[in-house]
């Protein structure tokens, strides 16, 4: 039997920030991204593992992932992991409950 499993990354949220200035081109067109890594089985999310962020300047295409920044830390804290990232455990729990109740 073939089991498709692995690790993927999803962009959870994008924040536009007009107050941050790019260190490369001094433009104020900086966006913050919050990413979440998760494991999957048959492309169904198993559970999330790591949340991190990055910055991107649309003016000069300069990007930084895993940047340590106070604003980025605030955006990471504010962004919640969606319930869909726990799809596989929820499906298994529903199957167990239905089996216990005797529903076929």
PDB file of N, CA and C in Angstrom:
ATOM      1  N   UNK A   1       0.840  -1.180   0.000  1.00  0.00           N
ATOM      2  CA  UNK A   1       0.000   0.000   0.000  1.00  0.00           C
ATOM      3  C   UNK A   1       0.888   1.248   0.000  1.00  0.00           C
ATOM      4  N   UNK A   2       0.544   2.200  -0.800  1.00  0.00           N
ATOM      5  CA  UNK A   2       1.298   3.443  -0.885  1.00  0.00           C
ATOM      6  C   UNK A   2       0.662   4.470   0.054  1.00  0.00           C
ATOM      7  N   UNK A   3       1.484   5.069   0.883  1.00  0.00           N
ATOM      8  CA  UNK A   3       1.033   6.107   1.807  1.00  0.00           C
ATOM      9  C   UNK A   3       1.706   7.407   1.406  1.00  0.00           C
ATOM     10  N   UNK A   4       0.894   8.400   1.068  1.00  0.00           N
ATOM     11  CA  UNK A   4       1.420   9.718   0.719  1.00  0.00           C
ATOM     12  C   UNK A   4       1.451  10.571   1.980  1.00  0.00           C
ATOM     13  N   UNK A   5       2.641  10.891   2.431  1.00  0.00           N
ATOM     14  CA  UNK A   5       2.786  11.728   3.611  1.00  0.00           C
ATOM     15  C   UNK A   5       3.950  12.679   3.380  1.00  0.00           C
ATOM     16  N   UNK A   6       3.997  13.730   4.155  1.00  0.00           N
ATOM     17  CA  UNK A   6       5.085  14.680   4.015  1.00  0.00           C
ATOM     18  C   UNK A   6       4.848  15.922   4.843  1.00  0.00           C
ATOM     19  N   UNK A   7       5.615  16.952   4.512  1.00  0.00           N
ATOM     20  CA  UNK A   7       5.547  18.224   5.222  1.00  0.00           C
ATOM     21  C   UNK A   7       5.333  19.328   4.197  1.00  0.00           C
ATOM     22  N   UNK A   8       4.408  20.237   4.494  1.00  0.00           N
ATOM     23  CA  UNK A   8       4.119  21.353   3.607  1.00  0.00           C
ATOM     24  C   UNK A   8       4.109  22.649   4.404  1.00  0.00           C
ATOM     25  N   UNK A   9       4.130  23.753   3.667  1.00  0.00           N
ATOM     26  CA  UNK A   9       4.071  25.082   4.260  1.00  0.00           C
ATOM     27  C   UNK A   9       2.865  25.823   3.694  1.00  0.00           C
ATOM     28  N   UNK A  10       2.158  26.526   4.559  1.00  0.00           N
ATOM     29  CA  UNK A  10       0.994  27.302   4.146  1.00  0.00           C
ATOM     30  C   UNK A  10       1.142  28.731   4.643  1.00  0.00           C
ATOM     31  N   UNK A  11       0.778  29.699   3.804  1.00  0.00           N
ATOM     32  CA  UNK A  11       0.744  31.094   4.237  1.00  0.00           C
ATOM     33  C   UNK A  11      -0.570  31.309   4.974  1.00  0.00           C
ATOM     34  N   UNK A  12      -0.476  31.657   6.248  1.00  0.00           N
ATOM     35  CA  UNK A  12      -1.685  31.863   7.049  1.00  0.00           C
ATOM     36  C   UNK A  12      -2.257  33.258   6.881  1.00  0.00           C
ATOM     37  N   UNK A  13      -1.395  34.247   6.861  1.00  0.00           N
ATOM     38  CA  UNK A  13      -1.871  35.632   6.831  1.00  0.00           C
ATOM     39  C   UNK A  13      -0.815  36.534   6.191  1.00  0.00           C
ATOM     40  N   UNK A  14      -1.288  37.597   5.555  1.00  0.00           N
ATOM     41  CA  UNK A  14      -0.413  38.619   4.977  1.00  0.00           C
ATOM     42  C   UNK A  14      -0.801  39.959   5.584  1.00  0.00           C
ATOM     43  N   UNK A  15       0.172  40.697   6.058  1.00  0.00           N
ATOM     44  CA  UNK A  15      -0.061  42.007   6.656  1.00  0.00           C
ATOM     45  C   UNK A  15       0.704  43.058   5.870  1.00  0.00           C
ATOM     46  N   UNK A  16       0.011  44.112   5.434  1.00  0.00           N
ATOM     47  CA  UNK A  16       0.662  45.248   4.778  1.00  0.00           C
ATOM     48  C   UNK A  16       1.019  46.259   5.862  1.00  0.00           C
ATOM     49  N   UNK A  17       2.249  46.749   5.843  1.00  0.00           N
ATOM     50  CA  UNK A  17       2.698  47.683   6.873  1.00  0.00           C
ATOM     51  C   UNK A  17       3.337  48.889   6.209  1.00  0.00           C
ATOM     52  N   UNK A  18       2.697  50.039   6.348  1.00  0.00           N
ATOM     53  CA  UNK A  18       3.207  51.273   5.743  1.00  0.00           C
ATOM     54  C   UNK A  18       4.271  51.946   6.617  1.00  0.00           C
ATOM     55  N   UNK A  19       4.403  51.522   7.867  1.00  0.00           N
ATOM     56  CA  UNK A  19       5.353  52.163   8.778  1.00  0.00           C
ATOM     57  C   UNK A  19       6.755  51.588   8.683  1.00  0.00           C
ATOM     58  N   UNK A  20       6.899  50.373   8.186  1.00  0.00           N
ATOM     59  CA  UNK A  20       8.203  49.729   8.096  1.00  0.00           C
ATOM     60  C   UNK A  20       8.895  50.134   6.805  1.00  0.00           C
ATOM     61  N   UNK A  21      10.163  50.458   6.919  1.00  0.00           N
ATOM     62  CA  UNK A  21      10.958  50.874   5.760  1.00  0.00           C
ATOM     63  C   UNK A  21      11.920  49.749   5.402  1.00  0.00           C
ATOM     64  N   UNK A  22      11.999  49.442   4.108  1.00  0.00           N
ATOM     65  CA  UNK A  22      12.893  48.391   3.618  1.00  0.00           C
ATOM     66  C   UNK A  22      14.341  48.827   3.821  1.00  0.00           C
ATOM     67  N   UNK A  23      15.141  47.927   4.355  1.00  0.00           N
ATOM     68  CA  UNK A  23      16.546  48.252   4.593  1.00  0.00           C
ATOM     69  C   UNK A  23      17.372  48.249   3.309  1.00  0.00           C
ATOM     70  N   UNK A  24      16.820  47.691   2.244  1.00  0.00           N
ATOM     71  CA  UNK A  24      17.546  47.604   0.977  1.00  0.00           C
ATOM     72  C   UNK A  24      17.306  48.827   0.092  1.00  0.00           C
ATOM     73  N   UNK A  25      16.037  49.261  -0.049  1.00  0.00           N
ATOM     74  CA  UNK A  25      15.728  50.358  -0.974  1.00  0.00           C
ATOM     75  C   UNK A  25      15.078  51.557  -0.295  1.00  0.00           C
ATOM     76  N   UNK A  26      14.867  51.524   0.999  1.00  0.00           N
ATOM     77  CA  UNK A  26      14.255  52.599   1.796  1.00  0.00           C
ATOM     78  C   UNK A  26      12.821  52.908   1.378  1.00  0.00           C
ATOM     79  N   UNK A  27      12.140  51.933   0.838  1.00  0.00           N
ATOM     80  CA  UNK A  27      10.741  52.092   0.461  1.00  0.00           C
ATOM     81  C   UNK A  27       9.861  51.647   1.629  1.00  0.00           C
ATOM     82  N   UNK A  28       8.624  52.129   1.638  1.00  0.00           N
ATOM     83  CA  UNK A  28       7.703  51.714   2.705  1.00  0.00           C
ATOM     84  C   UNK A  28       6.662  50.722   2.180  1.00  0.00           C
ATOM     85  N   UNK A  29       7.018  49.924   1.190  1.00  0.00           N
ATOM     86  CA  UNK A  29       6.106  48.924   0.623  1.00  0.00           C
ATOM     87  C   UNK A  29       6.460  47.525   1.119  1.00  0.00           C
ATOM     88  N   UNK A  30       6.500  47.380   2.445  1.00  0.00           N
ATOM     89  CA  UNK A  30       6.899  46.118   3.065  1.00  0.00           C
ATOM     90  C   UNK A  30       5.656  45.351   3.502  1.00  0.00           C
ATOM     91  N   UNK A  31       5.638  44.057   3.195  1.00  0.00           N
ATOM     92  CA  UNK A  31       4.564  43.165   3.626  1.00  0.00           C
ATOM     93  C   UNK A  31       5.150  42.117   4.562  1.00  0.00           C
ATOM     94  N   UNK A  32       4.361  41.735   5.554  1.00  0.00           N
ATOM     95  CA  UNK A  32       4.749  40.665   6.462  1.00  0.00           C
ATOM     96  C   UNK A  32       3.899  39.441   6.158  1.00  0.00           C
ATOM     97  N   UNK A  33       4.519  38.274   6.147  1.00  0.00           N
ATOM     98  CA  UNK A  33       3.825  37.010   5.910  1.00  0.00           C
ATOM     99  C   UNK A  33       4.017  36.106   7.119  1.00  0.00           C
ATOM    100  N   UNK A  34       2.963  35.398   7.507  1.00  0.00           N
ATOM    101  CA  UNK A  34       3.044  34.420   8.581  1.00  0.00           C
ATOM    102  C   UNK A  34       2.796  33.051   7.950  1.00  0.00           C
ATOM    103  N   UNK A  35       3.778  32.151   8.100  1.00  0.00           N
ATOM    104  CA  UNK A  35       3.744  30.815   7.521  1.00  0.00           C
ATOM    105  C   UNK A  35       3.525  29.771   8.625  1.00  0.00           C
ATOM    106  N   UNK A  36       2.993  28.623   8.230  1.00  0.00           N
ATOM    107  CA  UNK A  36       2.854  27.507   9.167  1.00  0.00           C
ATOM    108  C   UNK A  36       3.259  26.232   8.439  1.00  0.00           C
ATOM    109  N   UNK A  37       4.184  25.475   9.026  1.00  0.00           N
ATOM    110  CA  UNK A  37       4.541  24.162   8.507  1.00  0.00           C
ATOM    111  C   UNK A  37       3.618  23.139   9.147  1.00  0.00           C
ATOM    112  N   UNK A  38       3.280  22.097   8.379  1.00  0.00           N
ATOM    113  CA  UNK A  38       2.435  21.040   8.919  1.00  0.00           C
ATOM    114  C   UNK A  38       2.737  19.731   8.209  1.00  0.00           C
ATOM    115  N   UNK A  39       2.445  18.644   8.902  1.00  0.00           N
ATOM    116  CA  UNK A  39       2.561  17.314   8.317  1.00  0.00           C
ATOM    117  C   UNK A  39       1.207  16.918   7.744  1.00  0.00           C
ATOM    118  N   UNK A  40       1.236  16.115   6.683  1.00  0.00           N
ATOM    119  CA  UNK A  40      -0.004  15.661   6.077  1.00  0.00           C
ATOM    120  C   UNK A  40       0.093  14.182   5.724  1.00  0.00           C
ATOM    121  N   UNK A  41      -1.077  13.540   5.647  1.00  0.00           N
ATOM    122  CA  UNK A  41      -1.213  12.169   5.160  1.00  0.00           C
ATOM    123  C   UNK A  41      -2.276  12.216   4.061  1.00  0.00           C
ATOM    124  N   UNK A  42      -1.922  11.745   2.875  1.00  0.00           N
ATOM    125  CA  UNK A  42      -2.802  11.833   1.712  1.00  0.00           C
ATOM    126  C   UNK A  42      -3.308  13.262   1.511  1.00  0.00           C
ATOM    127  N   UNK A  43      -2.450  14.227   1.749  1.00  0.00           N
ATOM    128  CA  UNK A  43      -2.711  15.654   1.580  1.00  0.00           C
ATOM    129  C   UNK A  43      -3.788  16.188   2.521  1.00  0.00           C
ATOM    130  N   UNK A  44      -4.106  15.439   3.550  1.00  0.00           N
ATOM    131  CA  UNK A  44      -5.004  15.901   4.609  1.00  0.00           C
ATOM    132  C   UNK A  44      -4.110  16.309   5.779  1.00  0.00           C
ATOM    133  N   UNK A  45      -4.224  17.572   6.246  1.00  0.00           N
ATOM    134  CA  UNK A  45      -3.355  18.028   7.328  1.00  0.00           C
ATOM    135  C   UNK A  45      -3.476  17.157   8.574  1.00  0.00           C
ATOM    136  N   UNK A  46      -2.323  16.727   9.075  1.00  0.00           N
ATOM    137  CA  UNK A  46      -2.271  15.900  10.277  1.00  0.00           C
ATOM    138  C   UNK A  46      -2.203  16.787  11.518  1.00  0.00           C
ATOM    139  N   UNK A  47      -1.179  17.630  11.599  1.00  0.00           N
ATOM    140  CA  UNK A  47      -1.074  18.604  12.676  1.00  0.00           C
ATOM    141  C   UNK A  47      -0.026  19.653  12.309  1.00  0.00           C
ATOM    142  N   UNK A  48      -0.207  20.892  12.788  1.00  0.00           N
ATOM    143  CA  UNK A  48       0.772  21.946  12.528  1.00  0.00           C
ATOM    144  C   UNK A  48       1.983  21.794  13.442  1.00  0.00           C
ATOM    145  N   UNK A  49       3.147  22.256  12.952  1.00  0.00           N
ATOM    146  CA  UNK A  49       4.341  22.114  13.774  1.00  0.00           C
ATOM    147  C   UNK A  49       5.051  23.426  14.068  1.00  0.00           C
ATOM    148  N   UNK A  50       5.204  24.296  13.093  1.00  0.00           N
ATOM    149  CA  UNK A  50       6.035  25.477  13.292  1.00  0.00           C
ATOM    150  C   UNK A  50       5.392  26.675  12.629  1.00  0.00           C
ATOM    151  N   UNK A  51       5.316  27.779  13.358  1.00  0.00           N
ATOM    152  CA  UNK A  51       4.816  29.034  12.811  1.00  0.00           C
ATOM    153  C   UNK A  51       5.982  30.022  12.770  1.00  0.00           C
ATOM    154  N   UNK A  52       6.169  30.657  11.646  1.00  0.00           N
ATOM    155  CA  UNK A  52       7.253  31.630  11.493  1.00  0.00           C
ATOM    156  C   UNK A  52       6.836  32.697  10.499  1.00  0.00           C
ATOM    157  N   UNK A  53       7.623  33.729  10.386  1.00  0.00           N
ATOM    158  CA  UNK A  53       7.249  34.836   9.525  1.00  0.00           C
ATOM    159  C   UNK A  53       8.372  35.297   8.630  1.00  0.00           C
ATOM    160  N   UNK A  54       7.997  36.174   7.738  1.00  0.00           N
ATOM    161  CA  UNK A  54       8.963  36.745   6.818  1.00  0.00           C
ATOM    162  C   UNK A  54       8.492  38.111   6.352  1.00  0.00           C
ATOM    163  N   UNK A  55       9.429  38.841   5.751  1.00  0.00           N
ATOM    164  CA  UNK A  55       9.141  40.168   5.226  1.00  0.00           C
ATOM    165  C   UNK A  55       9.430  40.170   3.732  1.00  0.00           C
ATOM    166  N   UNK A  56       8.666  40.979   2.990  1.00  0.00           N
ATOM    167  CA  UNK A  56       8.869  41.082   1.551  1.00  0.00           C
ATOM    168  C   UNK A  56       8.628  42.528   1.121  1.00  0.00           C
ATOM    169  N   UNK A  57       9.570  43.077   0.338  1.00  0.00           N
ATOM    170  CA  UNK A  57       9.431  44.418  -0.213  1.00  0.00           C
ATOM    171  C   UNK A  57       9.032  44.277  -1.676  1.00  0.00           C
ATOM    172  N   UNK A  58       7.867  44.809  -2.031  1.00  0.00           N
ATOM    173  CA  UNK A  58       7.399  44.698  -3.412  1.00  0.00           C
ATOM    174  C   UNK A  58       8.111  45.670  -4.345  1.00  0.00           C
ATOM    175  N   UNK A  59       8.804  46.644  -3.792  1.00  0.00           N
ATOM    176  CA  UNK A  59       9.530  47.609  -4.618  1.00  0.00           C
ATOM    177  C   UNK A  59      10.828  47.023  -5.172  1.00  0.00           C
ATOM    178  N   UNK A  60      11.601  46.352  -4.333  1.00  0.00           N
ATOM    179  CA  UNK A  60      12.914  45.833  -4.763  1.00  0.00           C
ATOM    180  C   UNK A  60      12.984  44.308  -4.748  1.00  0.00           C
ATOM    181  N   UNK A  61      11.873  43.613  -4.478  1.00  0.00           N
ATOM    182  CA  UNK A  61      11.813  42.146  -4.412  1.00  0.00           C
ATOM    183  C   UNK A  61      12.766  41.554  -3.382  1.00  0.00           C
ATOM    184  N   UNK A  62      13.047  42.285  -2.328  1.00  0.00           N
ATOM    185  CA  UNK A  62      13.904  41.810  -1.245  1.00  0.00           C
ATOM    186  C   UNK A  62      13.033  41.074  -0.235  1.00  0.00           C
ATOM    187  N   UNK A  63      13.449  39.879   0.150  1.00  0.00           N
ATOM    188  CA  UNK A  63      12.663  39.114   1.120  1.00  0.00           C
ATOM    189  C   UNK A  63      13.567  38.525   2.186  1.00  0.00           C
ATOM    190  N   UNK A  64      13.005  38.386   3.380  1.00  0.00           N
ATOM    191  CA  UNK A  64      13.691  37.778   4.518  1.00  0.00           C
ATOM    192  C   UNK A  64      12.718  36.833   5.201  1.00  0.00           C
ATOM    193  N   UNK A  65      13.094  35.565   5.297  1.00  0.00           N
ATOM    194  CA  UNK A  65      12.281  34.585   6.015  1.00  0.00           C
ATOM    195  C   UNK A  65      13.011  34.241   7.304  1.00  0.00           C
ATOM    196  N   UNK A  66      12.279  33.952   8.346  1.00  0.00           N
ATOM    197  CA  UNK A  66      12.821  33.681   9.684  1.00  0.00           C
ATOM    198  C   UNK A  66      13.518  34.929  10.243  1.00  0.00           C
ATOM    199  N   UNK A  67      12.962  36.090   9.972  1.00  0.00           N
ATOM    200  CA  UNK A  67      13.500  37.342  10.467  1.00  0.00           C
ATOM    201  C   UNK A  67      13.032  37.568  11.897  1.00  0.00           C
ATOM    202  N   UNK A  68      13.908  38.112  12.718  1.00  0.00           N
ATOM    203  CA  UNK A  68      13.529  38.465  14.086  1.00  0.00           C
ATOM    204  C   UNK A  68      13.240  39.962  14.094  1.00  0.00           C
ATOM    205  N   UNK A  69      11.987  40.277  14.363  1.00  0.00           N
ATOM    206  CA  UNK A  69      11.527  41.648  14.312  1.00  0.00           C
ATOM    207  C   UNK A  69      10.363  41.754  15.296  1.00  0.00           C
ATOM    208  N   UNK A  70      10.262  42.873  16.002  1.00  0.00           N
ATOM    209  CA  UNK A  70       9.201  43.005  17.002  1.00  0.00           C
ATOM    210  C   UNK A  70       7.819  43.039  16.359  1.00  0.00           C
ATOM    211  N   UNK A  71       7.680  43.704  15.211  1.00  0.00           N
ATOM    212  CA  UNK A  71       6.382  43.728  14.529  1.00  0.00           C
ATOM    213  C   UNK A  71       6.021  42.346  14.012  1.00  0.00           C
ATOM    214  N   UNK A  72       6.991  41.648  13.470  1.00  0.00           N
ATOM    215  CA  UNK A  72       6.738  40.312  12.949  1.00  0.00           C
ATOM    216  C   UNK A  72       6.339  39.364  14.077  1.00  0.00           C
ATOM    217  N   UNK A  73       6.980  39.499  15.222  1.00  0.00           N
ATOM    218  CA  UNK A  73       6.607  38.676  16.380  1.00  0.00           C
ATOM    219  C   UNK A  73       5.173  38.960  16.809  1.00  0.00           C
ATOM    220  N   UNK A  74       4.775  40.219  16.747  1.00  0.00           N
ATOM    221  CA  UNK A  74       3.397  40.582  17.085  1.00  0.00           C
ATOM    222  C   UNK A  74       2.414  39.987  16.082  1.00  0.00           C
ATOM    223  N   UNK A  75       2.738  40.022  14.802  1.00  0.00           N
ATOM    224  CA  UNK A  75       1.870  39.438  13.774  1.00  0.00           C
ATOM    225  C   UNK A  75       1.783  37.919  13.930  1.00  0.00           C
ATOM    226  N   UNK A  76       2.879  37.277  14.285  1.00  0.00           N
ATOM    227  CA  UNK A  76       2.861  35.824  14.507  1.00  0.00           C
ATOM    228  C   UNK A  76       1.964  35.480  15.688  1.00  0.00           C
ATOM    229  N   UNK A  77       2.028  36.274  16.748  1.00  0.00           N
ATOM    230  CA  UNK A  77       1.194  36.037  17.927  1.00  0.00           C
ATOM    231  C   UNK A  77      -0.286  36.252  17.605  1.00  0.00           C
ATOM    232  N   UNK A  78      -0.571  37.247  16.788  1.00  0.00           N
ATOM    233  CA  UNK A  78      -1.945  37.602  16.447  1.00  0.00           C
ATOM    234  C   UNK A  78      -2.593  36.572  15.518  1.00  0.00           C
ATOM    235  N   UNK A  79      -1.797  35.918  14.676  1.00  0.00           N
ATOM    236  CA  UNK A  79      -2.323  34.971  13.694  1.00  0.00           C
ATOM    237  C   UNK A  79      -2.603  33.629  14.359  1.00  0.00           C
ATOM    238  N   UNK A  80      -3.817  33.148  14.196  1.00  0.00           N
ATOM    239  CA  UNK A  80      -4.236  31.880  14.779  1.00  0.00           C
ATOM    240  C   UNK A  80      -4.122  30.760  13.754  1.00  0.00           C
ATOM    241  N   UNK A  81      -3.826  29.582  14.241  1.00  0.00           N
ATOM    242  CA  UNK A  81      -3.782  28.397  13.383  1.00  0.00           C
ATOM    243  C   UNK A  81      -5.214  27.994  13.052  1.00  0.00           C
ATOM    244  N   UNK A  82      -5.546  27.844  11.767  1.00  0.00           N
ATOM    245  CA  UNK A  82      -6.924  27.464  11.415  1.00  0.00           C
ATOM    246  C   UNK A  82      -7.245  26.039  11.858  1.00  0.00           C
ATOM    247  N   UNK A  83      -8.509  25.803  12.139  1.00  0.00           N
ATOM    248  CA  UNK A  83      -8.954  24.486  12.602  1.00  0.00           C
ATOM    249  C   UNK A  83      -8.741  23.434  11.520  1.00  0.00           C
ATOM    250  N   UNK A  84      -8.673  23.846  10.262  1.00  0.00           N
ATOM    251  CA  UNK A  84      -8.465  22.886   9.166  1.00  0.00           C
ATOM    252  C   UNK A  84      -7.102  22.213   9.232  1.00  0.00           C
ATOM    253  N   UNK A  85      -6.156  22.798   9.967  1.00  0.00           N
ATOM    254  CA  UNK A  85      -4.846  22.179  10.122  1.00  0.00           C
ATOM    255  C   UNK A  85      -4.914  20.923  10.980  1.00  0.00           C
ATOM    256  N   UNK A  86      -6.033  20.706  11.661  1.00  0.00           N
ATOM    257  CA  UNK A  86      -6.232  19.526  12.499  1.00  0.00           C
ATOM    258  C   UNK A  86      -7.259  18.574  11.871  1.00  0.00           C
ATOM    259  N   UNK A  87      -7.372  18.578  10.551  1.00  0.00           N
ATOM    260  CA  UNK A  87      -8.402  17.791   9.855  1.00  0.00           C
ATOM    261  C   UNK A  87      -8.293  16.294  10.120  1.00  0.00           C
ATOM    262  N   UNK A  88      -7.116  15.737  10.019  1.00  0.00           N
ATOM    263  CA  UNK A  88      -6.950  14.295  10.176  1.00  0.00           C
ATOM    264  C   UNK A  88      -7.340  13.821  11.577  1.00  0.00           C
ATOM    265  N   UNK A  89      -6.855  14.461  12.657  1.00  0.00           N
ATOM    266  CA  UNK A  89      -7.297  14.012  13.995  1.00  0.00           C
ATOM    267  C   UNK A  89      -8.804  14.160  14.201  1.00  0.00           C
ATOM    268  N   UNK A  90      -9.412  15.194  13.605  1.00  0.00           N
ATOM    269  CA  UNK A  90     -10.861  15.375  13.736  1.00  0.00           C
ATOM    270  C   UNK A  90     -11.599  14.245  13.024  1.00  0.00           C
ATOM    271  N   UNK A  91     -11.136  13.873  11.829  1.00  0.00           N
ATOM    272  CA  UNK A  91     -11.762  12.776  11.084  1.00  0.00           C
ATOM    273  C   UNK A  91     -11.643  11.467  11.867  1.00  0.00           C
ATOM    274  N   UNK A  92     -10.469  11.186  12.408  1.00  0.00           N
ATOM    275  CA  UNK A  92     -10.260   9.956  13.193  1.00  0.00           C
ATOM    276  C   UNK A  92     -11.155   9.959  14.431  1.00  0.00           C
ATOM    277  N   UNK A  93     -11.268  11.093  15.101  1.00  0.00           N
ATOM    278  CA  UNK A  93     -12.118  11.198  16.286  1.00  0.00           C
ATOM    279  C   UNK A  93     -13.587  10.949  15.938  1.00  0.00           C
ATOM    280  N   UNK A  94     -14.042  11.488  14.830  1.00  0.00           N
ATOM    281  CA  UNK A  94     -15.429  11.269  14.400  1.00  0.00           C
ATOM    282  C   UNK A  94     -15.665   9.794  14.095  1.00  0.00           C
ATOM    283  N   UNK A  95     -14.719   9.138  13.430  1.00  0.00           N
ATOM    284  CA  UNK A  95     -14.850   7.711  13.123  1.00  0.00           C
ATOM    285  C   UNK A  95     -14.909   6.886  14.406  1.00  0.00           C
ATOM    286  N   UNK A  96     -14.067   7.205  15.381  1.00  0.00           N
ATOM    287  CA  UNK A  96     -14.071   6.480  16.659  1.00  0.00           C
ATOM    288  C   UNK A  96     -15.397   6.669  17.390  1.00  0.00           C
ATOM    289  N   UNK A  97     -15.899   7.898  17.423  1.00  0.00           N
ATOM    290  CA  UNK A  97     -17.175   8.173  18.112  1.00  0.00           C
ATOM    291  C   UNK A  97     -18.314   7.441  17.418  1.00  0.00           C
ATOM    292  N   UNK A  98     -18.330   7.463  16.078  1.00  0.00           N
ATOM    293  CA  UNK A  98     -19.384   6.755  15.361  1.00  0.00           C
ATOM    294  C   UNK A  98     -19.321   5.257  15.594  1.00  0.00           C
ATOM    295  N   UNK A  99     -18.115   4.686  15.674  1.00  0.00           N
ATOM    296  CA  UNK A  99     -17.984   3.263  15.967  1.00  0.00           C
ATOM    297  C   UNK A  99     -18.444   2.920  17.383  1.00  0.00           C
ATOM    298  N   UNK A 100     -18.145   3.808  18.330  1.00  0.00           N
ATOM    299  CA  UNK A 100     -18.594   3.579  19.716  1.00  0.00           C
ATOM    300  C   UNK A 100     -20.109   3.655  19.840  1.00  0.00           C
ATOM    301  N   UNK A 101     -20.725   4.524  19.050  1.00  0.00           N
ATOM    302  CA  UNK A 101     -22.170   4.652  19.094  1.00  0.00           C
ATOM    303  C   UNK A 101     -22.868   3.555  18.283  1.00  0.00           C
ATOM    304  N   UNK A 102     -22.109   2.808  17.505  1.00  0.00           N
ATOM    305  CA  UNK A 102     -22.686   1.713  16.725  1.00  0.00           C
ATOM    306  C   UNK A 102     -23.336   2.160  15.434  1.00  0.00           C
ATOM    307  N   UNK A 103     -22.986   3.343  14.959  1.00  0.00           N
ATOM    308  CA  UNK A 103     -23.547   3.847  13.706  1.00  0.00           C
ATOM    309  C   UNK A 103     -22.747   3.244  12.562  1.00  0.00           C
ATOM    310  N   UNK A 104     -23.466   2.680  11.556  1.00  0.00           N
ATOM    311  CA  UNK A 104     -22.772   2.067  10.444  1.00  0.00           C
ATOM    312  C   UNK A 104     -22.822   2.951   9.239  1.00  0.00           C
TER     313      UNK A 104
END
